C-alpha atoms as a PDB file:
ATOM      1  CA  UNK A   1       7.988  -4.538 -21.482  1.00  0.00           C
ATOM      2  CA  UNK A   2       9.191  -3.216 -18.125  1.00  0.00           C
ATOM      3  CA  UNK A   3      12.472  -4.424 -17.293  1.00  0.00           C
ATOM      4  CA  UNK A   4      12.832  -6.938 -14.242  1.00  0.00           C
ATOM      5  CA  UNK A   5      15.575  -4.877 -12.404  1.00  0.00           C
ATOM      6  CA  UNK A   6      13.654  -1.607 -12.654  1.00  0.00           C
ATOM      7  CA  UNK A   7      12.927  -0.148  -9.060  1.00  0.00           C
ATOM      8  CA  UNK A   8      11.135   2.897  -9.439  1.00  0.00           C
ATOM      9  CA  UNK A   9       8.721   4.361 -12.164  1.00  0.00           C
ATOM     10  CA  UNK A  10       7.057   7.665 -12.630  1.00  0.00           C
ATOM     11  CA  UNK A  11       4.809   8.024 -15.213  1.00  0.00           C
ATOM     12  CA  UNK A  12       2.710  10.905 -14.369  1.00  0.00           C
ATOM     13  CA  UNK A  13       0.369  12.632 -16.762  1.00  0.00           C
ATOM     14  CA  UNK A  14       1.195  10.285 -19.771  1.00  0.00           C
ATOM     15  CA  UNK A  15      -2.200  10.929 -21.510  1.00  0.00           C
ATOM     16  CA  UNK A  16      -1.336   8.642 -24.541  1.00  0.00           C
ATOM     17  CA  UNK A  17      -0.241   5.505 -22.654  1.00  0.00           C
ATOM     18  CA  UNK A  18      -2.679   2.821 -23.163  1.00  0.00           C
ATOM     19  CA  UNK A  19      -0.727  -0.459 -22.601  1.00  0.00           C
ATOM     20  CA  UNK A  20       1.691  -1.627 -19.949  1.00  0.00           C
ATOM     21  CA  UNK A  21       3.155  -5.012 -20.312  1.00  0.00           C
ATOM     22  CA  UNK A  22       5.326  -6.732 -16.937  1.00  0.00           C
ATOM     23  CA  UNK A  23       7.043 -10.238 -17.476  1.00  0.00           C
ATOM     24  CA  UNK A  24       4.748 -13.003 -18.661  1.00  0.00           C
ATOM     25  CA  UNK A  25       5.043 -15.201 -15.577  1.00  0.00           C
ATOM     26  CA  UNK A  26       4.359 -14.213 -11.937  1.00  0.00           C
ATOM     27  CA  UNK A  27       7.280 -16.604 -11.191  1.00  0.00           C
ATOM     28  CA  UNK A  28       9.486 -13.813 -13.197  1.00  0.00           C
ATOM     29  CA  UNK A  29       7.805 -11.161 -11.287  1.00  0.00           C
ATOM     30  CA  UNK A  30       8.584 -12.700  -7.831  1.00  0.00           C
ATOM     31  CA  UNK A  31      12.243 -12.248  -8.968  1.00  0.00           C
ATOM     32  CA  UNK A  32      11.635  -8.029  -9.321  1.00  0.00           C
ATOM     33  CA  UNK A  33      12.484  -5.618  -6.585  1.00  0.00           C
ATOM     34  CA  UNK A  34      10.262  -2.695  -7.333  1.00  0.00           C
ATOM     35  CA  UNK A  35       9.457  -0.080  -4.927  1.00  0.00           C
ATOM     36  CA  UNK A  36       7.710   2.838  -6.265  1.00  0.00           C
ATOM     37  CA  UNK A  37       5.328   2.669  -9.389  1.00  0.00           C
ATOM     38  CA  UNK A  38       3.268   5.833 -10.222  1.00  0.00           C
ATOM     39  CA  UNK A  39       0.774   5.772 -12.872  1.00  0.00           C
ATOM     40  CA  UNK A  40      -0.987   9.170 -11.931  1.00  0.00           C
ATOM     41  CA  UNK A  41      -3.159  10.200 -14.512  1.00  0.00           C
ATOM     42  CA  UNK A  42      -2.617   7.560 -16.861  1.00  0.00           C
ATOM     43  CA  UNK A  43      -6.177   7.747 -17.866  1.00  0.00           C
ATOM     44  CA  UNK A  44      -6.049   6.088 -21.191  1.00  0.00           C
ATOM     45  CA  UNK A  45      -4.710   2.561 -19.652  1.00  0.00           C
ATOM     46  CA  UNK A  46      -6.783  -0.188 -20.968  1.00  0.00           C
ATOM     47  CA  UNK A  47      -8.309  -2.958 -18.568  1.00  0.00           C
ATOM     48  CA  UNK A  48      -5.617  -5.406 -19.331  1.00  0.00           C
ATOM     49  CA  UNK A  49      -2.872  -3.279 -18.194  1.00  0.00           C
ATOM     50  CA  UNK A  50      -4.661  -2.046 -15.077  1.00  0.00           C
ATOM     51  CA  UNK A  51      -5.215  -5.534 -14.399  1.00  0.00           C
ATOM     52  CA  UNK A  52      -1.283  -6.149 -14.901  1.00  0.00           C
ATOM     53  CA  UNK A  53      -0.830  -3.591 -12.625  1.00  0.00           C
ATOM     54  CA  UNK A  54      -2.745  -4.887  -9.695  1.00  0.00           C
ATOM     55  CA  UNK A  55      -1.114  -8.139 -10.058  1.00  0.00           C
ATOM     56  CA  UNK A  56       2.304  -6.585 -10.029  1.00  0.00           C
ATOM     57  CA  UNK A  57       1.501  -4.425  -7.333  1.00  0.00           C
ATOM     58  CA  UNK A  58       0.220  -7.239  -4.754  1.00  0.00           C
ATOM     59  CA  UNK A  59       3.560  -9.383  -5.691  1.00  0.00           C
ATOM     60  CA  UNK A  60       5.899  -6.745  -5.105  1.00  0.00           C
ATOM     61  CA  UNK A  61       3.950  -5.131  -1.826  1.00  0.00           C
ATOM     62  CA  UNK A  62       3.766  -8.662  -0.529  1.00  0.00           C
ATOM     63  CA  UNK A  63       7.459  -9.553  -1.349  1.00  0.00           C
ATOM     64  CA  UNK A  64       8.748  -6.567   0.362  1.00  0.00           C
ATOM     65  CA  UNK A  65       6.848  -6.983   3.397  1.00  0.00           C
ATOM     66  CA  UNK A  66       7.764 -10.639   3.408  1.00  0.00           C
ATOM     67  CA  UNK A  67      11.340  -9.462   3.397  1.00  0.00           C
ATOM     68  CA  UNK A  68      11.006  -7.015   6.299  1.00  0.00           C
ATOM     69  CA  UNK A  69       9.249  -9.599   8.557  1.00  0.00           C
ATOM     70  CA  UNK A  70      11.859 -12.268   7.881  1.00  0.00           C
ATOM     71  CA  UNK A  71      14.537 -10.095   9.373  1.00  0.00           C
ATOM     72  CA  UNK A  72      14.983 -11.211  13.258  1.00  0.00           C
ATOM     73  CA  UNK A  73      14.750  -8.557  15.647  1.00  0.00           C
ATOM     74  CA  UNK A  74      14.637  -5.650  12.935  1.00  0.00           C
ATOM     75  CA  UNK A  75      12.149  -3.745  15.233  1.00  0.00           C
ATOM     76  CA  UNK A  76      14.313  -3.925  18.089  1.00  0.00           C
ATOM     77  CA  UNK A  77      17.132  -1.971  16.361  1.00  0.00           C
ATOM     78  CA  UNK A  78      15.313   0.254  14.016  1.00  0.00           C
ATOM     79  CA  UNK A  79      13.912   3.717  15.391  1.00  0.00           C
ATOM     80  CA  UNK A  80      12.763   5.272  12.114  1.00  0.00           C
ATOM     81  CA  UNK A  81      14.015   8.882  13.007  1.00  0.00           C
ATOM     82  CA  UNK A  82      14.825   9.879   9.399  1.00  0.00           C
ATOM     83  CA  UNK A  83      11.390   8.607   8.124  1.00  0.00           C
ATOM     84  CA  UNK A  84      10.450  12.596   7.290  1.00  0.00           C
ATOM     85  CA  UNK A  85      13.112  12.560   5.316  1.00  0.00           C
ATOM     86  CA  UNK A  86      13.518   8.810   3.715  1.00  0.00           C
ATOM     87  CA  UNK A  87      10.228   7.427   4.118  1.00  0.00           C
ATOM     88  CA  UNK A  88      10.375   6.243   0.453  1.00  0.00           C
ATOM     89  CA  UNK A  89      13.076   3.845   1.591  1.00  0.00           C
ATOM     90  CA  UNK A  90      11.050   2.154   4.192  1.00  0.00           C
ATOM     91  CA  UNK A  91       7.887   1.701   1.790  1.00  0.00           C
ATOM     92  CA  UNK A  92       6.941   0.026  -1.603  1.00  0.00           C
ATOM     93  CA  UNK A  93       3.968   1.984  -3.417  1.00  0.00           C
ATOM     94  CA  UNK A  94       1.913   1.735  -6.321  1.00  0.00           C
ATOM     95  CA  UNK A  95      -0.644   4.652  -7.498  1.00  0.00           C
ATOM     96  CA  UNK A  96      -2.383   3.778 -10.630  1.00  0.00           C
ATOM     97  CA  UNK A  97      -6.185   4.912 -11.740  1.00  0.00           C
ATOM     98  CA  UNK A  98      -8.945   3.021 -10.213  1.00  0.00           C
ATOM     99  CA  UNK A  99     -12.033   3.141  -8.121  1.00  0.00           C
ATOM    100  CA  UNK A 100     -12.782  -0.150  -6.114  1.00  0.00           C
ATOM    101  CA  UNK A 101     -10.488  -1.325  -3.238  1.00  0.00           C
ATOM    102  CA  UNK A 102      -9.027  -4.439  -4.729  1.00  0.00           C
ATOM    103  CA  UNK A 103     -10.878  -7.941  -3.799  1.00  0.00           C
ATOM    104  CA  UNK A 104      -7.666  -9.718  -2.794  1.00  0.00           C
ATOM    105  CA  UNK A 105      -7.685  -7.595   0.804  1.00  0.00           C
ATOM    106  CA  UNK A 106      -9.036  -9.335   3.511  1.00  0.00           C
ATOM    107  CA  UNK A 107     -10.719  -6.240   4.917  1.00  0.00           C
ATOM    108  CA  UNK A 108     -12.685  -3.245   2.886  1.00  0.00           C
ATOM    109  CA  UNK A 109     -14.681  -0.580   3.657  1.00  0.00           C
ATOM    110  CA  UNK A 110     -15.998   2.902   2.378  1.00  0.00           C
ATOM    111  CA  UNK A 111     -15.578   4.294   5.799  1.00  0.00           C
ATOM    112  CA  UNK A 112     -12.809   5.571   7.586  1.00  0.00           C
ATOM    113  CA  UNK A 113     -12.870   2.814  10.065  1.00  0.00           C
ATOM    114  CA  UNK A 114     -12.399  -0.977  10.092  1.00  0.00           C
ATOM    115  CA  UNK A 115     -12.446  -3.483  12.565  1.00  0.00           C
ATOM    116  CA  UNK A 116      -9.240  -6.273  12.347  1.00  0.00           C
ATOM    117  CA  UNK A 117      -9.765  -9.654  13.635  1.00  0.00           C
ATOM    118  CA  UNK A 118      -5.864 -11.030  14.741  1.00  0.00           C
ATOM    119  CA  UNK A 119      -7.450 -14.545  15.979  1.00  0.00           C
ATOM    120  CA  UNK A 120      -6.408 -16.361  13.136  1.00  0.00           C
ATOM    121  CA  UNK A 121      -2.966 -15.210  13.054  1.00  0.00           C
ATOM    122  CA  UNK A 122       0.114 -17.617  14.291  1.00  0.00           C
ATOM    123  CA  UNK A 123       1.168 -16.313  17.426  1.00  0.00           C
ATOM    124  CA  UNK A 124       4.648 -16.591  16.924  1.00  0.00           C
ATOM    125  CA  UNK A 125       5.120 -14.949  13.570  1.00  0.00           C
ATOM    126  CA  UNK A 126       5.067 -11.143  13.379  1.00  0.00           C
ATOM    127  CA  UNK A 127       2.001  -9.581  11.383  1.00  0.00           C
ATOM    128  CA  UNK A 128       2.547  -6.961   8.545  1.00  0.00           C
ATOM    129  CA  UNK A 129      -0.291  -4.514   7.303  1.00  0.00           C
ATOM    130  CA  UNK A 130      -0.837  -3.685   3.522  1.00  0.00           C
ATOM    131  CA  UNK A 131      -2.964  -0.916   2.900  1.00  0.00           C
ATOM    132  CA  UNK A 132      -4.897  -0.179  -0.035  1.00  0.00           C
ATOM    133  CA  UNK A 133      -6.341   3.493  -0.441  1.00  0.00           C
ATOM    134  CA  UNK A 134      -9.351   4.875  -2.910  1.00  0.00           C
ATOM    135  CA  UNK A 135      -8.664   8.078  -4.013  1.00  0.00           C
ATOM    136  CA  UNK A 136     -10.838  10.796  -5.819  1.00  0.00           C
ATOM    137  CA  UNK A 137     -10.063  13.922  -7.771  1.00  0.00           C
ATOM    138  CA  UNK A 138      -7.783  16.552  -6.451  1.00  0.00           C
ATOM    139  CA  UNK A 139      -7.412  19.757  -8.761  1.00  0.00           C
ATOM    140  CA  UNK A 140      -4.713  21.803  -6.669  1.00  0.00           C
ATOM    141  CA  UNK A 141      -1.409  21.316  -8.817  1.00  0.00           C
ATOM    142  CA  UNK A 142       0.713  22.235  -5.470  1.00  0.00           C
ATOM    143  CA  UNK A 143       0.008  18.582  -4.231  1.00  0.00           C
ATOM    144  CA  UNK A 144       3.214  17.225  -3.045  1.00  0.00           C
ATOM    145  CA  UNK A 145       2.009  14.289  -0.641  1.00  0.00           C
ATOM    146  CA  UNK A 146      -0.525  12.524   1.359  1.00  0.00           C
ATOM    147  CA  UNK A 147      -0.012  12.205   4.878  1.00  0.00           C
ATOM    148  CA  UNK A 148      -2.340   9.505   6.348  1.00  0.00           C
ATOM    149  CA  UNK A 149      -2.446   8.992   9.912  1.00  0.00           C
ATOM    150  CA  UNK A 150      -3.513   5.388  11.312  1.00  0.00           C
ATOM    151  CA  UNK A 151      -5.189   4.963  14.713  1.00  0.00           C
ATOM    152  CA  UNK A 152      -5.351   1.792  16.320  1.00  0.00           C
ATOM    153  CA  UNK A 153      -7.818   1.210  19.419  1.00  0.00           C
ATOM    154  CA  UNK A 154      -9.761  -1.354  21.009  1.00  0.00           C
ATOM    155  CA  UNK A 155     -12.770  -2.717  18.985  1.00  0.00           C
ATOM    156  CA  UNK A 156     -15.493  -0.225  20.482  1.00  0.00           C
ATOM    157  CA  UNK A 157     -12.596   2.851  19.487  1.00  0.00           C
ATOM    158  CA  UNK A 158     -12.589   3.555  23.287  1.00  0.00           C
ATOM    159  CA  UNK A 159      -9.669   3.559  25.705  1.00  0.00           C
ATOM    160  CA  UNK A 160      -6.089   4.436  24.839  1.00  0.00           C
ATOM    161  CA  UNK A 161      -5.748   5.529  21.005  1.00  0.00           C
ATOM    162  CA  UNK A 162      -2.267   5.483  19.456  1.00  0.00           C
ATOM    163  CA  UNK A 163      -1.420   6.817  15.857  1.00  0.00           C
ATOM    164  CA  UNK A 164       1.213   6.609  13.477  1.00  0.00           C
ATOM    165  CA  UNK A 165       1.722   8.538  10.018  1.00  0.00           C
ATOM    166  CA  UNK A 166       2.509   7.315   6.599  1.00  0.00           C
ATOM    167  CA  UNK A 167       3.595   9.532   3.581  1.00  0.00           C
ATOM    168  CA  UNK A 168       2.388   8.788  -0.017  1.00  0.00           C
ATOM    169  CA  UNK A 169       4.766  10.644  -2.279  1.00  0.00           C
ATOM    170  CA  UNK A 170       2.715  12.219  -5.469  1.00  0.00           C
ATOM    171  CA  UNK A 171       5.484  14.278  -7.189  1.00  0.00           C
ATOM    172  CA  UNK A 172       3.801  17.775  -7.249  1.00  0.00           C
ATOM    173  CA  UNK A 173       0.475  17.350  -9.423  1.00  0.00           C
ATOM    174  CA  UNK A 174      -3.412  16.764  -9.591  1.00  0.00           C
ATOM    175  CA  UNK A 175      -5.448  13.882  -9.297  1.00  0.00           C
ATOM    176  CA  UNK A 176      -7.584  14.081 -12.331  1.00  0.00           C
ATOM    177  CA  UNK A 177      -9.635  10.850 -11.704  1.00  0.00           C
ATOM    178  CA  UNK A 178     -10.231   7.768  -9.211  1.00  0.00           C
ATOM    179  CA  UNK A 179      -7.036   6.303  -8.170  1.00  0.00           C
ATOM    180  CA  UNK A 180      -5.743   3.572  -5.852  1.00  0.00           C
ATOM    181  CA  UNK A 181      -2.709   3.241  -3.924  1.00  0.00           C
ATOM    182  CA  UNK A 182      -1.402   0.024  -2.549  1.00  0.00           C
ATOM    183  CA  UNK A 183       1.447   0.187  -0.102  1.00  0.00           C
ATOM    184  CA  UNK A 184       3.311  -1.471   2.545  1.00  0.00           C
ATOM    185  CA  UNK A 185       5.069   0.919   5.086  1.00  0.00           C
ATOM    186  CA  UNK A 186       7.554  -0.413   7.104  1.00  0.00           C
ATOM    187  CA  UNK A 187       7.427   2.175  10.295  1.00  0.00           C
ATOM    188  CA  UNK A 188       3.487   1.849  10.009  1.00  0.00           C
ATOM    189  CA  UNK A 189       3.349  -2.065  10.126  1.00  0.00           C
ATOM    190  CA  UNK A 190       5.852  -2.263  12.968  1.00  0.00           C
ATOM    191  CA  UNK A 191       4.000   0.284  14.973  1.00  0.00           C
ATOM    192  CA  UNK A 192       0.674  -1.257  14.317  1.00  0.00           C
ATOM    193  CA  UNK A 193       2.065  -5.027  15.292  1.00  0.00           C
ATOM    194  CA  UNK A 194       3.765  -3.696  18.342  1.00  0.00           C
ATOM    195  CA  UNK A 195      -0.013  -2.567  19.667  1.00  0.00           C
ATOM    196  CA  UNK A 196      -2.077  -5.063  18.221  1.00  0.00           C
ATOM    197  CA  UNK A 197      -0.100  -8.546  18.645  1.00  0.00           C
ATOM    198  CA  UNK A 198      -1.839  -9.488  22.025  1.00  0.00           C
ATOM    199  CA  UNK A 199      -5.469  -8.283  20.813  1.00  0.00           C
ATOM    200  CA  UNK A 200      -7.565 -10.432  19.049  1.00  0.00           C
ATOM    201  CA  UNK A 201      -9.614  -7.269  17.619  1.00  0.00           C
ATOM    202  CA  UNK A 202      -8.810  -3.814  17.191  1.00  0.00           C
ATOM    203  CA  UNK A 203      -9.969  -0.544  15.663  1.00  0.00           C
ATOM    204  CA  UNK A 204      -8.026   1.061  12.749  1.00  0.00           C
ATOM    205  CA  UNK A 205      -9.395   4.506  11.704  1.00  0.00           C
ATOM    206  CA  UNK A 206      -7.668   6.636   8.792  1.00  0.00           C
ATOM    207  CA  UNK A 207      -7.542  10.214   8.275  1.00  0.00           C
ATOM    208  CA  UNK A 208      -5.475  12.306   6.136  1.00  0.00           C
ATOM    209  CA  UNK A 209      -4.250  15.748   5.086  1.00  0.00           C
ATOM    210  CA  UNK A 210      -2.554  17.128   2.055  1.00  0.00           C
ATOM    211  CA  UNK A 211       1.008  18.693   1.949  1.00  0.00           C
ATOM    212  CA  UNK A 212       1.745  21.260  -0.829  1.00  0.00           C
ATOM    213  CA  UNK A 213       5.361  22.204  -2.480  1.00  0.00           C
ATOM    214  CA  UNK A 214       5.448  24.948  -0.136  1.00  0.00           C
ATOM    215  CA  UNK A 215       5.097  22.692   3.152  1.00  0.00           C
ATOM    216  CA  UNK A 216       1.461  24.090   3.728  1.00  0.00           C
ATOM    217  CA  UNK A 217      -1.137  21.492   5.300  1.00  0.00           C
ATOM    218  CA  UNK A 218      -4.525  21.179   3.546  1.00  0.00           C
ATOM    219  CA  UNK A 219      -7.536  19.729   4.405  1.00  0.00           C
ATOM    220  CA  UNK A 220      -8.311  16.611   2.352  1.00  0.00           C
ATOM    221  CA  UNK A 221     -11.726  17.203   0.665  1.00  0.00           C
ATOM    222  CA  UNK A 222     -14.415  14.711   1.763  1.00  0.00           C
ATOM    223  CA  UNK A 223     -15.118  13.152  -1.628  1.00  0.00           C
ATOM    224  CA  UNK A 224     -11.473  12.549  -2.043  1.00  0.00           C
ATOM    225  CA  UNK A 225     -11.309   9.518   0.304  1.00  0.00           C
ATOM    226  CA  UNK A 226     -13.393   6.663  -1.173  1.00  0.00           C
ATOM    227  CA  UNK A 227     -12.383   4.059   1.407  1.00  0.00           C
ATOM    228  CA  UNK A 228      -9.550   1.854   1.901  1.00  0.00           C
ATOM    229  CA  UNK A 229      -8.601  -2.085   2.507  1.00  0.00           C
ATOM    230  CA  UNK A 230      -6.444  -3.696   4.817  1.00  0.00           C
ATOM    231  CA  UNK A 231      -4.862  -7.264   4.465  1.00  0.00           C
ATOM    232  CA  UNK A 232      -2.624  -8.932   6.791  1.00  0.00           C
ATOM    233  CA  UNK A 233       0.550 -10.734   6.128  1.00  0.00           C
ATOM    234  CA  UNK A 234       3.014 -13.139   7.618  1.00  0.00           C
ATOM    235  CA  UNK A 235       6.034 -15.023   6.119  1.00  0.00           C
ATOM    236  CA  UNK A 236       3.744 -18.192   6.048  1.00  0.00           C
ATOM    237  CA  UNK A 237       1.160 -16.525   4.413  1.00  0.00           C
ATOM    238  CA  UNK A 238       3.569 -15.327   1.562  1.00  0.00           C
ATOM    239  CA  UNK A 239       5.040 -18.736   1.140  1.00  0.00           C
ATOM    240  CA  UNK A 240       1.397 -20.027   0.479  1.00  0.00           C
ATOM    241  CA  UNK A 241       0.994 -17.042  -2.041  1.00  0.00           C
ATOM    242  CA  UNK A 242       4.263 -17.748  -3.720  1.00  0.00           C
ATOM    243  CA  UNK A 243       3.066 -21.231  -4.000  1.00  0.00           C
ATOM    244  CA  UNK A 244      -0.231 -20.471  -5.825  1.00  0.00           C
ATOM    245  CA  UNK A 245       1.897 -17.976  -8.177  1.00  0.00           C
ATOM    246  CA  UNK A 246       4.125 -20.924  -9.332  1.00  0.00           C
ATOM    247  CA  UNK A 247       1.051 -23.286  -9.719  1.00  0.00           C
ATOM    248  CA  UNK A 248      -0.747 -20.529 -11.567  1.00  0.00           C
ATOM    249  CA  UNK A 249       1.953 -20.473 -13.743  1.00  0.00           C
ATOM    250  CA  UNK A 250       2.567 -24.079 -14.624  1.00  0.00           C
ATOM    251  CA  UNK A 251      -1.056 -24.703 -15.344  1.00  0.00           C
ATOM    252  CA  UNK A 252      -0.942 -22.017 -17.868  1.00  0.00           C
ATOM    253  CA  UNK A 253       2.201 -22.797 -19.806  1.00  0.00           C
END
């Protein structure tokens, strides 16, 4: 069983790993502070373990987002000038085998763009953006990280467009099968909210490049990007999610 205090885990190319066990209840997992969990190329993980990783990712990503959104005036003082070197500090990331964007995300697409509706979001609360990317195989062993460029514009994709980068570190290696990347990036989320908070609908587009260990920028093969999903979160939404998890535990004791 993975210990509750573990913040970072890299299990890369563990070809014999079949089972991963987390604390038995969601309530216990809500006490964790995991920020980076990479099961890259752990292709023998059984279905039960993959489902457990997916739930643990959802819990920790939503919890991290809630903590950041709960800090009053946080984005008035944060300039993110050190993001290039310390991007891990500003995000929580899970990477593990999988091919379908997770069902619990509000918006899902196999395209490189999606339309977001903010009309039901509470106007007085800041909103965060959780991402899930579906990635295909990539055989170059020099891969160090993926750089996702997130562009926001009006619903028709016309007029002014603004963009922000988001990094996904992969520790140098190949991607030997389809994988999912579930993440919350504080800089990206704050940027999107600052541009979107006065709009009911807007368009988000994703483009990606690869950066090698030699810092060379490589073109992302078309077949590697298989879609993405986004879920909006605010502090009320997290409270509701937490209550659902606690109720689930109480019904399955």
